[in-house]
Amino acid sequence: MRAWSFSTDSYPRAERSDAWREAMSRLGLPVEGLSELEPASTSVVCLTSPLGIEFALVNAGAQTISGRLTNQPAAVWMAVLLDGQAAVVSDDLAEDLTVGDIAFGPTGQAAALRLATRCRLMFVRAPRVALNHRLVAPRALRVGRLRGEGGVKHILSGLLRSTADSLEDLTVDQLRPVELALAEFLGLCLLEAGEERGAAWPTDARSAHLQRLRQTIETLLPDPNLTIRRVADEEGVSPRYVQKLFEGVEETFSHYLRTRRLERCRNDLASPQFARLSISEICFRWGFNGSAHFSRAFRDQYGCSPRDFRRSVRDEERVAA
């Protein structure tokens, strides 16, 4: 687990604003509206899990955190308000947050969190590789708010708040079940949020069945001979029905399978946990039949070879250290 912390208390007052902006940029959180005349005490504690999910506890005064990430892998961000008064704003949304509420959105869309008072927040950034099998239509995801006052949303809010309270003391083993629960609860909450906002994805029994199919595919990804018929047999339906479920979200079984395998390989290539595995071992681990085919598919998907990608990640880690 990679961990780091920051506090403006260790900086001269005249340097605090610039130091804070730099620290927040490291989290991919550009800061606006920060008073140069009132460099309030601010701090961050951040842990990055083995699966690449970033947890950051932020204490800060009134300011605006805005922008979008365009130079990093696609991810979903969340911010649960622990203390203070804040609002989430995007092109088609402007809502106040109460303590326990969760603002969320994809990293590719512009959004802002406006802190009206001193606030304490828990930021989470989860790579799509960890969530796509739980999202019915990832491309339909928009910036929004989850009320933390009841049902599954209340459970997710409680999970994030409890994680924030213990963040500085968590170990890798303790964080792993948090990651698994986070993916499950977030998938359910985003599905409900999409239904409430009239998002263009199925909201009936087919939606739930697609979720189960994706979970089944996830467990079978390492099988190089995995076919649509195998998945259909596992679920007790016809191959045509499986294909129609994917067509309902503008996807195909074969494309989804290939994408998930590539995402899993990419995640392993970036993870220190699998640094000792060769590129060939990683591609075979997720169901590819040959390293040459995998390398071509990886380059087509991400614009660089697996070797170059792994090298760039290691270079970034050395710079960050």
C-alpha atoms as a PDB file:
ATOM      1  CA  MET A   1       0.000   0.000   0.000  1.00  0.00           C
ATOM      2  CA  ARG A   2       1.273   3.446  -0.890  1.00  0.00           C
ATOM      3  CA  ALA A   3       0.486   6.107   1.719  1.00  0.00           C
ATOM      4  CA  TRP A   4       1.269   9.767   2.069  1.00  0.00           C
ATOM      5  CA  SER A   5       0.144  12.701   4.181  1.00  0.00           C
ATOM      6  CA  PHE A   6       0.365  16.463   4.000  1.00  0.00           C
ATOM      7  CA  SER A   7      -0.328  19.419   6.278  1.00  0.00           C
ATOM      8  CA  THR A   8       0.139  23.125   5.721  1.00  0.00           C
ATOM      9  CA  ASP A   9       1.115  23.474   9.391  1.00  0.00           C
ATOM     10  CA  SER A  10       4.692  22.612   8.440  1.00  0.00           C
ATOM     11  CA  TYR A  11       4.920  25.527   5.957  1.00  0.00           C
ATOM     12  CA  PRO A  12       5.446  29.264   6.542  1.00  0.00           C
ATOM     13  CA  ARG A  13       2.136  31.109   6.260  1.00  0.00           C
ATOM     14  CA  ALA A  14       3.174  32.823   3.018  1.00  0.00           C
ATOM     15  CA  GLU A  15       3.785  29.448   1.325  1.00  0.00           C
ATOM     16  CA  ARG A  16       0.709  27.554   2.521  1.00  0.00           C
ATOM     17  CA  SER A  17      -1.635  28.372  -0.354  1.00  0.00           C
ATOM     18  CA  ASP A  18       0.788  27.216  -3.048  1.00  0.00           C
ATOM     19  CA  ALA A  19       1.710  24.106  -1.057  1.00  0.00           C
ATOM     20  CA  TRP A  20      -1.965  23.224  -0.652  1.00  0.00           C
ATOM     21  CA  ARG A  21      -2.661  23.633  -4.357  1.00  0.00           C
ATOM     22  CA  GLU A  22       0.266  21.359  -5.145  1.00  0.00           C
ATOM     23  CA  ALA A  23      -0.913  18.690  -2.686  1.00  0.00           C
ATOM     24  CA  MET A  24      -4.455  18.744  -4.065  1.00  0.00           C
ATOM     25  CA  SER A  25      -3.153  18.548  -7.628  1.00  0.00           C
ATOM     26  CA  ARG A  26      -1.402  15.341  -6.628  1.00  0.00           C
ATOM     27  CA  LEU A  27      -4.892  13.972  -5.860  1.00  0.00           C
ATOM     28  CA  GLY A  28      -6.210  15.287  -9.171  1.00  0.00           C
ATOM     29  CA  LEU A  29      -8.241  17.936  -7.311  1.00  0.00           C
ATOM     30  CA  PRO A  30      -7.541  21.465  -8.624  1.00  0.00           C
ATOM     31  CA  VAL A  31      -8.345  24.237  -6.137  1.00  0.00           C
ATOM     32  CA  GLU A  32     -10.013  27.569  -6.891  1.00  0.00           C
ATOM     33  CA  GLY A  33     -11.167  30.447  -4.710  1.00  0.00           C
ATOM     34  CA  LEU A  34      -8.541  29.907  -2.030  1.00  0.00           C
ATOM     35  CA  SER A  35      -7.962  33.074  -0.079  1.00  0.00           C
ATOM     36  CA  GLU A  36      -4.347  34.205  -0.127  1.00  0.00           C
ATOM     37  CA  LEU A  37      -5.020  36.293   3.003  1.00  0.00           C
ATOM     38  CA  GLU A  38      -6.340  33.412   5.103  1.00  0.00           C
ATOM     39  CA  PRO A  39      -4.128  30.341   4.673  1.00  0.00           C
ATOM     40  CA  ALA A  40      -6.150  28.153   7.031  1.00  0.00           C
ATOM     41  CA  SER A  41      -4.655  24.935   8.368  1.00  0.00           C
ATOM     42  CA  THR A  42      -5.349  22.153   5.865  1.00  0.00           C
ATOM     43  CA  SER A  43      -4.354  18.495   5.683  1.00  0.00           C
ATOM     44  CA  VAL A  44      -4.596  15.296   3.628  1.00  0.00           C
ATOM     45  CA  VAL A  45      -4.094  11.652   4.497  1.00  0.00           C
ATOM     46  CA  CYS A  46      -4.140   9.412   1.421  1.00  0.00           C
ATOM     47  CA  LEU A  47      -3.884   5.654   0.897  1.00  0.00           C
ATOM     48  CA  THR A  48      -3.847   3.855  -2.451  1.00  0.00           C
ATOM     49  CA  SER A  49      -5.015   0.261  -2.254  1.00  0.00           C
ATOM     50  CA  PRO A  50      -3.560  -2.724  -4.129  1.00  0.00           C
ATOM     51  CA  LEU A  51      -6.437  -2.496  -6.627  1.00  0.00           C
ATOM     52  CA  GLY A  52      -5.626   1.153  -7.284  1.00  0.00           C
ATOM     53  CA  ILE A  53      -8.546   2.672  -5.355  1.00  0.00           C
ATOM     54  CA  GLU A  54      -7.459   5.948  -3.780  1.00  0.00           C
ATOM     55  CA  PHE A  55      -8.831   6.970  -0.367  1.00  0.00           C
ATOM     56  CA  ALA A  56      -8.072  10.530   0.762  1.00  0.00           C
ATOM     57  CA  LEU A  57      -9.214  12.242   3.960  1.00  0.00           C
ATOM     58  CA  VAL A  58      -9.227  16.011   3.442  1.00  0.00           C
ATOM     59  CA  ASN A  59      -9.572  18.791   6.040  1.00  0.00           C
ATOM     60  CA  ALA A  60      -9.848  22.219   4.427  1.00  0.00           C
ATOM     61  CA  GLY A  61     -11.348  25.677   4.707  1.00  0.00           C
ATOM     62  CA  ALA A  62     -13.799  27.384   2.331  1.00  0.00           C
ATOM     63  CA  GLN A  63     -12.738  26.942  -1.302  1.00  0.00           C
ATOM     64  CA  THR A  64     -13.814  25.344  -4.564  1.00  0.00           C
ATOM     65  CA  ILE A  65     -12.412  22.018  -5.748  1.00  0.00           C
ATOM     66  CA  SER A  66     -13.094  21.709  -9.451  1.00  0.00           C
ATOM     67  CA  GLY A  67     -11.915  20.324 -12.749  1.00  0.00           C
ATOM     68  CA  ARG A  68     -11.679  16.954 -14.438  1.00  0.00           C
ATOM     69  CA  LEU A  69      -8.975  14.365 -15.039  1.00  0.00           C
ATOM     70  CA  THR A  70      -8.150  13.778 -18.699  1.00  0.00           C
ATOM     71  CA  ASN A  71      -4.642  12.303 -18.570  1.00  0.00           C
ATOM     72  CA  GLN A  72      -5.339   9.280 -16.354  1.00  0.00           C
ATOM     73  CA  PRO A  73      -7.282   6.010 -16.709  1.00  0.00           C
ATOM     74  CA  ALA A  74     -11.051   6.390 -16.487  1.00  0.00           C
ATOM     75  CA  ALA A  75     -12.317   6.321 -12.914  1.00  0.00           C
ATOM     76  CA  VAL A  76     -15.307   7.147 -10.732  1.00  0.00           C
ATOM     77  CA  TRP A  77     -14.818   9.649  -7.922  1.00  0.00           C
ATOM     78  CA  MET A  78     -16.824  10.033  -4.728  1.00  0.00           C
ATOM     79  CA  ALA A  79     -16.744  12.605  -1.943  1.00  0.00           C
ATOM     80  CA  VAL A  80     -18.658  12.016   1.287  1.00  0.00           C
ATOM     81  CA  LEU A  81     -19.193  15.076   3.468  1.00  0.00           C
ATOM     82  CA  LEU A  82     -18.117  14.322   7.041  1.00  0.00           C
ATOM     83  CA  ASP A  83     -18.400  17.820   8.537  1.00  0.00           C
ATOM     84  CA  GLY A  84     -19.259  21.303   7.251  1.00  0.00           C
ATOM     85  CA  GLN A  85     -21.385  22.770   4.465  1.00  0.00           C
ATOM     86  CA  ALA A  86     -20.761  22.117   0.766  1.00  0.00           C
ATOM     87  CA  ALA A  87     -22.446  21.803  -2.632  1.00  0.00           C
ATOM     88  CA  VAL A  88     -21.818  19.781  -5.794  1.00  0.00           C
ATOM     89  CA  VAL A  89     -22.129  21.618  -9.128  1.00  0.00           C
ATOM     90  CA  SER A  90     -21.901  20.466 -12.753  1.00  0.00           C
ATOM     91  CA  ASP A  91     -23.344  21.531 -16.102  1.00  0.00           C
ATOM     92  CA  ASP A  92     -26.767  20.089 -15.227  1.00  0.00           C
ATOM     93  CA  LEU A  93     -26.670  19.864 -11.427  1.00  0.00           C
ATOM     94  CA  ALA A  94     -26.417  22.165  -8.405  1.00  0.00           C
ATOM     95  CA  GLU A  95     -27.268  20.597  -5.054  1.00  0.00           C
ATOM     96  CA  ASP A  96     -26.329  21.256  -1.456  1.00  0.00           C
ATOM     97  CA  LEU A  97     -24.752  18.411   0.499  1.00  0.00           C
ATOM     98  CA  THR A  98     -25.633  17.523   4.061  1.00  0.00           C
ATOM     99  CA  VAL A  99     -23.360  15.510   6.344  1.00  0.00           C
ATOM    100  CA  GLY A 100     -23.356  11.903   5.106  1.00  0.00           C
ATOM    101  CA  ASP A 101     -24.284  12.770   1.503  1.00  0.00           C
ATOM    102  CA  ILE A 102     -22.039  11.504  -1.300  1.00  0.00           C
ATOM    103  CA  ALA A 103     -21.191  13.497  -4.439  1.00  0.00           C
ATOM    104  CA  PHE A 104     -19.991  11.342  -7.333  1.00  0.00           C
ATOM    105  CA  GLY A 105     -19.128  11.393 -11.007  1.00  0.00           C
ATOM    106  CA  PRO A 106     -16.818  10.110 -13.748  1.00  0.00           C
ATOM    107  CA  THR A 107     -13.384  11.713 -13.981  1.00  0.00           C
ATOM    108  CA  GLY A 108     -13.997  12.757 -17.587  1.00  0.00           C
ATOM    109  CA  GLN A 109     -16.784  15.233 -16.743  1.00  0.00           C
ATOM    110  CA  ALA A 110     -16.319  18.729 -15.334  1.00  0.00           C
ATOM    111  CA  ALA A 111     -17.646  19.177 -11.796  1.00  0.00           C
ATOM    112  CA  ALA A 112     -17.022  21.293  -8.709  1.00  0.00           C
ATOM    113  CA  LEU A 113     -17.320  20.872  -4.962  1.00  0.00           C
ATOM    114  CA  ARG A 114     -17.912  24.228  -3.324  1.00  0.00           C
ATOM    115  CA  LEU A 115     -16.939  24.264   0.349  1.00  0.00           C
ATOM    116  CA  ALA A 116     -18.917  27.057   2.016  1.00  0.00           C
ATOM    117  CA  THR A 117     -17.318  26.501   5.429  1.00  0.00           C
ATOM    118  CA  ARG A 118     -14.452  24.546   6.864  1.00  0.00           C
ATOM    119  CA  CYS A 119     -15.098  20.939   5.806  1.00  0.00           C
ATOM    120  CA  ARG A 120     -13.911  17.427   6.390  1.00  0.00           C
ATOM    121  CA  LEU A 121     -14.400  15.105   3.409  1.00  0.00           C
ATOM    122  CA  MET A 122     -13.494  11.605   2.337  1.00  0.00           C
ATOM    123  CA  PHE A 123     -12.519  11.440  -1.344  1.00  0.00           C
ATOM    124  CA  VAL A 124     -12.431   8.113  -3.162  1.00  0.00           C
ATOM    125  CA  ARG A 125     -11.241   7.556  -6.718  1.00  0.00           C
ATOM    126  CA  ALA A 126     -11.939   4.066  -8.071  1.00  0.00           C
ATOM    127  CA  PRO A 127     -10.582   2.946 -11.458  1.00  0.00           C
ATOM    128  CA  ARG A 128     -13.262   1.736 -13.847  1.00  0.00           C
ATOM    129  CA  VAL A 129     -11.440  -1.609 -13.943  1.00  0.00           C
ATOM    130  CA  ALA A 130     -12.655  -2.183 -10.390  1.00  0.00           C
ATOM    131  CA  LEU A 131     -16.238  -1.112 -11.091  1.00  0.00           C
ATOM    132  CA  ASN A 132     -17.295  -1.723 -14.695  1.00  0.00           C
ATOM    133  CA  HIS A 133     -18.614  -5.213 -14.005  1.00  0.00           C
ATOM    134  CA  ARG A 134     -20.932  -3.622 -11.413  1.00  0.00           C
ATOM    135  CA  LEU A 135     -22.138  -0.758 -13.636  1.00  0.00           C
ATOM    136  CA  VAL A 136     -24.972  -1.452 -16.067  1.00  0.00           C
ATOM    137  CA  ALA A 137     -24.004   1.349 -18.476  1.00  0.00           C
ATOM    138  CA  PRO A 138     -20.719   3.043 -17.500  1.00  0.00           C
ATOM    139  CA  ARG A 139     -20.915   5.505 -20.398  1.00  0.00           C
ATOM    140  CA  ALA A 140     -24.252   6.833 -19.079  1.00  0.00           C
ATOM    141  CA  LEU A 141     -22.770   7.837 -15.703  1.00  0.00           C
ATOM    142  CA  ARG A 142     -23.214  11.504 -14.792  1.00  0.00           C
ATOM    143  CA  VAL A 143     -22.246  13.739 -11.890  1.00  0.00           C
ATOM    144  CA  GLY A 144     -24.762  13.377  -9.069  1.00  0.00           C
ATOM    145  CA  ARG A 145     -25.513  13.162  -5.368  1.00  0.00           C
ATOM    146  CA  LEU A 146     -26.458  10.211  -3.179  1.00  0.00           C
ATOM    147  CA  ARG A 147     -28.406  11.076  -0.025  1.00  0.00           C
ATOM    148  CA  GLY A 148     -26.892   9.210   2.888  1.00  0.00           C
ATOM    149  CA  GLU A 149     -30.069   9.023   4.932  1.00  0.00           C
ATOM    150  CA  GLY A 150     -31.559   5.616   4.121  1.00  0.00           C
ATOM    151  CA  GLY A 151     -31.312   2.215   2.432  1.00  0.00           C
ATOM    152  CA  VAL A 152     -28.240   1.051   0.541  1.00  0.00           C
ATOM    153  CA  LYS A 153     -27.006   4.634   0.190  1.00  0.00           C
ATOM    154  CA  HIS A 154     -26.935   4.957   3.976  1.00  0.00           C
ATOM    155  CA  ILE A 155     -24.846   1.776   4.192  1.00  0.00           C
ATOM    156  CA  LEU A 156     -22.378   3.071   1.582  1.00  0.00           C
ATOM    157  CA  SER A 157     -22.142   6.411   3.392  1.00  0.00           C
ATOM    158  CA  GLY A 158     -21.508   4.619   6.675  1.00  0.00           C
ATOM    159  CA  LEU A 159     -18.805   2.473   5.079  1.00  0.00           C
ATOM    160  CA  LEU A 160     -16.993   5.527   3.754  1.00  0.00           C
ATOM    161  CA  ARG A 161     -17.342   7.457   7.010  1.00  0.00           C
ATOM    162  CA  SER A 162     -16.032   4.538   9.051  1.00  0.00           C
ATOM    163  CA  THR A 163     -13.131   4.128   6.634  1.00  0.00           C
ATOM    164  CA  ALA A 164     -12.331   7.832   7.029  1.00  0.00           C
ATOM    165  CA  ASP A 165     -12.263   7.515  10.820  1.00  0.00           C
ATOM    166  CA  SER A 166      -9.789   4.613  10.634  1.00  0.00           C
ATOM    167  CA  LEU A 167      -7.840   5.556   7.519  1.00  0.00           C
ATOM    168  CA  GLU A 168      -4.528   6.287   9.223  1.00  0.00           C
ATOM    169  CA  ASP A 169      -4.563   2.911  11.023  1.00  0.00           C
ATOM    170  CA  LEU A 170      -5.757   0.552   8.253  1.00  0.00           C
ATOM    171  CA  THR A 171      -3.563  -2.248   6.910  1.00  0.00           C
ATOM    172  CA  VAL A 172      -3.614  -3.767   3.433  1.00  0.00           C
ATOM    173  CA  ASP A 173      -5.519  -6.828   4.626  1.00  0.00           C
ATOM    174  CA  GLN A 174      -8.100  -4.675   6.372  1.00  0.00           C
ATOM    175  CA  LEU A 175      -8.617  -2.505   3.300  1.00  0.00           C
ATOM    176  CA  ARG A 176      -9.281  -5.385   0.877  1.00  0.00           C
ATOM    177  CA  PRO A 177     -12.794  -6.193   2.152  1.00  0.00           C
ATOM    178  CA  VAL A 178     -13.539  -2.466   2.080  1.00  0.00           C
ATOM    179  CA  GLU A 179     -12.670  -2.444  -1.640  1.00  0.00           C
ATOM    180  CA  LEU A 180     -14.966  -5.378  -2.384  1.00  0.00           C
ATOM    181  CA  ALA A 181     -17.870  -3.926  -0.413  1.00  0.00           C
ATOM    182  CA  LEU A 182     -17.337  -0.504  -1.988  1.00  0.00           C
ATOM    183  CA  ALA A 183     -17.684  -1.908  -5.522  1.00  0.00           C
ATOM    184  CA  GLU A 184     -20.855  -3.814  -4.645  1.00  0.00           C
ATOM    185  CA  PHE A 185     -22.639  -0.998  -2.818  1.00  0.00           C
ATOM    186  CA  LEU A 186     -21.561   1.699  -5.265  1.00  0.00           C
ATOM    187  CA  GLY A 187     -22.850  -0.342  -8.201  1.00  0.00           C
ATOM    188  CA  LEU A 188     -26.255  -0.654  -6.560  1.00  0.00           C
ATOM    189  CA  CYS A 189     -26.383   3.015  -5.566  1.00  0.00           C
ATOM    190  CA  LEU A 190     -25.437   4.276  -9.032  1.00  0.00           C
ATOM    191  CA  LEU A 191     -28.061   2.031 -10.604  1.00  0.00           C
ATOM    192  CA  GLU A 192     -30.709   3.533  -8.306  1.00  0.00           C
ATOM    193  CA  ALA A 193     -29.445   7.052  -9.013  1.00  0.00           C
ATOM    194  CA  GLY A 194     -29.625   6.421 -12.759  1.00  0.00           C
ATOM    195  CA  GLU A 195     -33.201   5.194 -12.471  1.00  0.00           C
ATOM    196  CA  GLU A 196     -34.212   8.241 -10.411  1.00  0.00           C
ATOM    197  CA  ARG A 197     -32.713  10.613 -12.998  1.00  0.00           C
ATOM    198  CA  GLY A 198     -34.178   8.742 -15.988  1.00  0.00           C
ATOM    199  CA  ALA A 199     -30.841   7.538 -17.350  1.00  0.00           C
ATOM    200  CA  ALA A 200     -30.981   5.657 -20.636  1.00  0.00           C
ATOM    201  CA  TRP A 201     -30.368   2.141 -19.393  1.00  0.00           C
ATOM    202  CA  PRO A 202     -32.687  -0.746 -18.560  1.00  0.00           C
ATOM    203  CA  THR A 203     -34.348  -0.582 -15.136  1.00  0.00           C
ATOM    204  CA  ASP A 204     -36.347  -3.840 -15.118  1.00  0.00           C
ATOM    205  CA  ALA A 205     -35.447  -7.471 -14.480  1.00  0.00           C
ATOM    206  CA  ARG A 206     -33.102  -7.428 -17.502  1.00  0.00           C
ATOM    207  CA  SER A 207     -30.913  -4.890 -15.715  1.00  0.00           C
ATOM    208  CA  ALA A 208     -30.520  -7.167 -12.709  1.00  0.00           C
ATOM    209  CA  HIS A 209     -29.845 -10.136 -15.000  1.00  0.00           C
ATOM    210  CA  LEU A 210     -27.139  -8.214 -16.849  1.00  0.00           C
ATOM    211  CA  GLN A 211     -25.491  -7.515 -13.518  1.00  0.00           C
ATOM    212  CA  ARG A 212     -25.470 -11.230 -12.691  1.00  0.00           C
ATOM    213  CA  LEU A 213     -24.098 -12.067 -16.143  1.00  0.00           C
ATOM    214  CA  ARG A 214     -21.238  -9.635 -15.671  1.00  0.00           C
ATOM    215  CA  GLN A 215     -20.431 -11.161 -12.308  1.00  0.00           C
ATOM    216  CA  THR A 216     -20.409 -14.620 -13.905  1.00  0.00           C
ATOM    217  CA  ILE A 217     -18.103 -13.412 -16.682  1.00  0.00           C
ATOM    218  CA  GLU A 218     -15.813 -11.878 -14.069  1.00  0.00           C
ATOM    219  CA  THR A 219     -15.341 -15.227 -12.339  1.00  0.00           C
ATOM    220  CA  LEU A 220     -14.658 -16.957 -15.676  1.00  0.00           C
ATOM    221  CA  LEU A 221     -12.254 -14.405 -17.211  1.00  0.00           C
ATOM    222  CA  PRO A 222      -9.151 -16.610 -16.721  1.00  0.00           C
ATOM    223  CA  ASP A 223     -10.653 -19.338 -18.949  1.00  0.00           C
ATOM    224  CA  PRO A 224      -9.109 -18.822 -22.431  1.00  0.00           C
ATOM    225  CA  ASN A 225     -11.930 -20.856 -23.983  1.00  0.00           C
ATOM    226  CA  LEU A 226     -14.734 -18.813 -22.460  1.00  0.00           C
ATOM    227  CA  THR A 227     -17.656 -18.425 -24.879  1.00  0.00           C
ATOM    228  CA  ILE A 228     -21.057 -16.812 -24.836  1.00  0.00           C
ATOM    229  CA  ARG A 229     -22.602 -20.276 -24.740  1.00  0.00           C
ATOM    230  CA  ARG A 230     -20.637 -21.150 -21.606  1.00  0.00           C
ATOM    231  CA  VAL A 231     -21.928 -18.011 -19.877  1.00  0.00           C
ATOM    232  CA  ALA A 232     -25.467 -18.670 -21.095  1.00  0.00           C
ATOM    233  CA  ASP A 233     -25.324 -22.218 -19.758  1.00  0.00           C
ATOM    234  CA  GLU A 234     -24.098 -20.955 -16.392  1.00  0.00           C
ATOM    235  CA  GLU A 235     -27.112 -18.632 -16.189  1.00  0.00           C
ATOM    236  CA  GLY A 236     -29.631 -21.063 -17.697  1.00  0.00           C
ATOM    237  CA  VAL A 237     -30.508 -18.834 -20.671  1.00  0.00           C
ATOM    238  CA  SER A 238     -29.860 -18.840 -24.408  1.00  0.00           C
ATOM    239  CA  PRO A 239     -26.790 -17.260 -26.033  1.00  0.00           C
ATOM    240  CA  ARG A 240     -29.128 -14.988 -27.996  1.00  0.00           C
ATOM    241  CA  TYR A 241     -30.657 -13.690 -24.769  1.00  0.00           C
ATOM    242  CA  VAL A 242     -27.185 -12.893 -23.413  1.00  0.00           C
ATOM    243  CA  GLN A 243     -26.355 -10.970 -26.581  1.00  0.00           C
ATOM    244  CA  LYS A 244     -29.638  -9.042 -26.421  1.00  0.00           C
ATOM    245  CA  LEU A 245     -28.877  -7.960 -22.848  1.00  0.00           C
ATOM    246  CA  PHE A 246     -25.581  -6.476 -23.994  1.00  0.00           C
ATOM    247  CA  GLU A 247     -27.206  -4.890 -27.046  1.00  0.00           C
ATOM    248  CA  GLY A 248     -29.546  -3.101 -24.634  1.00  0.00           C
ATOM    249  CA  VAL A 249     -26.560  -1.120 -23.313  1.00  0.00           C
ATOM    250  CA  GLU A 250     -24.898  -0.673 -26.735  1.00  0.00           C
ATOM    251  CA  GLU A 251     -22.342  -3.428 -26.131  1.00  0.00           C
ATOM    252  CA  THR A 252     -21.490  -6.916 -27.414  1.00  0.00           C
ATOM    253  CA  PHE A 253     -20.420  -9.948 -25.412  1.00  0.00           C
ATOM    254  CA  SER A 254     -17.135 -10.355 -27.282  1.00  0.00           C
ATOM    255  CA  HIS A 255     -16.161  -6.683 -26.917  1.00  0.00           C
ATOM    256  CA  TYR A 256     -17.067  -6.662 -23.232  1.00  0.00           C
ATOM    257  CA  LEU A 257     -15.045  -9.840 -22.606  1.00  0.00           C
ATOM    258  CA  ARG A 258     -11.989  -8.477 -24.421  1.00  0.00           C
ATOM    259  CA  THR A 259     -12.228  -5.119 -22.630  1.00  0.00           C
ATOM    260  CA  ARG A 260     -12.505  -6.671 -19.184  1.00  0.00           C
ATOM    261  CA  ARG A 261      -9.491  -8.883 -19.837  1.00  0.00           C
ATOM    262  CA  LEU A 262      -7.451  -5.911 -21.017  1.00  0.00           C
ATOM    263  CA  GLU A 263      -8.532  -3.855 -18.008  1.00  0.00           C
ATOM    264  CA  ARG A 264      -7.540  -6.636 -15.628  1.00  0.00           C
ATOM    265  CA  CYS A 265      -4.145  -7.011 -17.332  1.00  0.00           C
ATOM    266  CA  ARG A 266      -3.589  -3.275 -17.245  1.00  0.00           C
ATOM    267  CA  ASN A 267      -4.417  -3.196 -13.547  1.00  0.00           C
ATOM    268  CA  ASP A 268      -1.930  -6.011 -12.827  1.00  0.00           C
ATOM    269  CA  LEU A 269       0.777  -4.318 -14.888  1.00  0.00           C
ATOM    270  CA  ALA A 270       0.367  -1.187 -12.765  1.00  0.00           C
ATOM    271  CA  SER A 271       0.185  -2.979  -9.407  1.00  0.00           C
ATOM    272  CA  PRO A 272       3.322  -3.481  -7.284  1.00  0.00           C
ATOM    273  CA  GLN A 273       1.637  -6.662  -6.057  1.00  0.00           C
ATOM    274  CA  PHE A 274       2.300  -8.303  -9.445  1.00  0.00           C
ATOM    275  CA  ALA A 275       5.642  -6.679 -10.244  1.00  0.00           C
ATOM    276  CA  ARG A 276       7.393 -10.058 -10.277  1.00  0.00           C
ATOM    277  CA  LEU A 277       5.052 -11.525 -12.895  1.00  0.00           C
ATOM    278  CA  SER A 278       6.153 -11.276 -16.519  1.00  0.00           C
ATOM    279  CA  ILE A 279       3.896  -9.658 -19.098  1.00  0.00           C
ATOM    280  CA  SER A 280       3.215 -13.097 -20.605  1.00  0.00           C
ATOM    281  CA  GLU A 281       2.230 -14.511 -17.214  1.00  0.00           C
ATOM    282  CA  ILE A 282      -0.190 -11.639 -16.691  1.00  0.00           C
ATOM    283  CA  CYS A 283      -1.857 -11.999 -20.088  1.00  0.00           C
ATOM    284  CA  PHE A 284      -2.278 -15.771 -19.639  1.00  0.00           C
ATOM    285  CA  ARG A 285      -3.598 -15.140 -16.130  1.00  0.00           C
ATOM    286  CA  TRP A 286      -6.589 -13.305 -17.629  1.00  0.00           C
ATOM    287  CA  GLY A 287      -7.425 -15.633 -20.515  1.00  0.00           C
ATOM    288  CA  PHE A 288      -5.370 -14.411 -23.473  1.00  0.00           C
ATOM    289  CA  ASN A 289      -4.032 -17.230 -25.649  1.00  0.00           C
ATOM    290  CA  GLY A 290      -0.761 -15.585 -26.673  1.00  0.00           C
ATOM    291  CA  SER A 291       1.464 -12.665 -25.716  1.00  0.00           C
ATOM    292  CA  ALA A 292       1.717 -11.318 -29.285  1.00  0.00           C
ATOM    293  CA  HIS A 293      -2.069 -11.122 -29.647  1.00  0.00           C
ATOM    294  CA  PHE A 294      -2.306  -9.546 -26.202  1.00  0.00           C
ATOM    295  CA  SER A 295       0.298  -6.901 -27.036  1.00  0.00           C
ATOM    296  CA  ARG A 296      -1.553  -5.900 -30.214  1.00  0.00           C
ATOM    297  CA  ALA A 297      -4.883  -5.718 -28.401  1.00  0.00           C
ATOM    298  CA  PHE A 298      -3.336  -3.699 -25.554  1.00  0.00           C
ATOM    299  CA  ARG A 299      -1.779  -1.211 -27.958  1.00  0.00           C
ATOM    300  CA  ASP A 300      -5.055  -0.831 -29.851  1.00  0.00           C
ATOM    301  CA  GLN A 301      -6.904  -0.161 -26.577  1.00  0.00           C
ATOM    302  CA  TYR A 302      -4.415   2.074 -24.752  1.00  0.00           C
ATOM    303  CA  GLY A 303      -2.078   3.452 -27.399  1.00  0.00           C
ATOM    304  CA  CYS A 304       1.116   1.913 -26.044  1.00  0.00           C
ATOM    305  CA  SER A 305       2.669  -1.515 -25.550  1.00  0.00           C
ATOM    306  CA  PRO A 306       2.278  -3.386 -22.244  1.00  0.00           C
ATOM    307  CA  ARG A 307       6.014  -3.037 -21.658  1.00  0.00           C
ATOM    308  CA  ASP A 308       5.971   0.732 -22.181  1.00  0.00           C
ATOM    309  CA  PHE A 309       2.914   1.096 -19.947  1.00  0.00           C
ATOM    310  CA  ARG A 310       4.520  -0.852 -17.093  1.00  0.00           C
ATOM    311  CA  ARG A 311       7.730   1.173 -17.449  1.00  0.00           C
ATOM    312  CA  SER A 312       5.820   4.488 -17.345  1.00  0.00           C
ATOM    313  CA  VAL A 313       3.980   3.458 -14.167  1.00  0.00           C
ATOM    314  CA  ARG A 314       7.253   2.563 -12.459  1.00  0.00           C
ATOM    315  CA  ASP A 315       8.807   5.858 -13.534  1.00  0.00           C
ATOM    316  CA  GLU A 316       5.844   7.781 -12.061  1.00  0.00           C
ATOM    317  CA  GLU A 317       6.132   5.870  -8.793  1.00  0.00           C
ATOM    318  CA  ARG A 318       9.843   6.707  -8.509  1.00  0.00           C
ATOM    319  CA  VAL A 319       9.100  10.389  -9.118  1.00  0.00           C
ATOM    320  CA  ALA A 320       6.296  10.366  -6.536  1.00  0.00           C
ATOM    321  CA  ALA A 321       8.537   8.696  -3.976  1.00  0.00           C
END
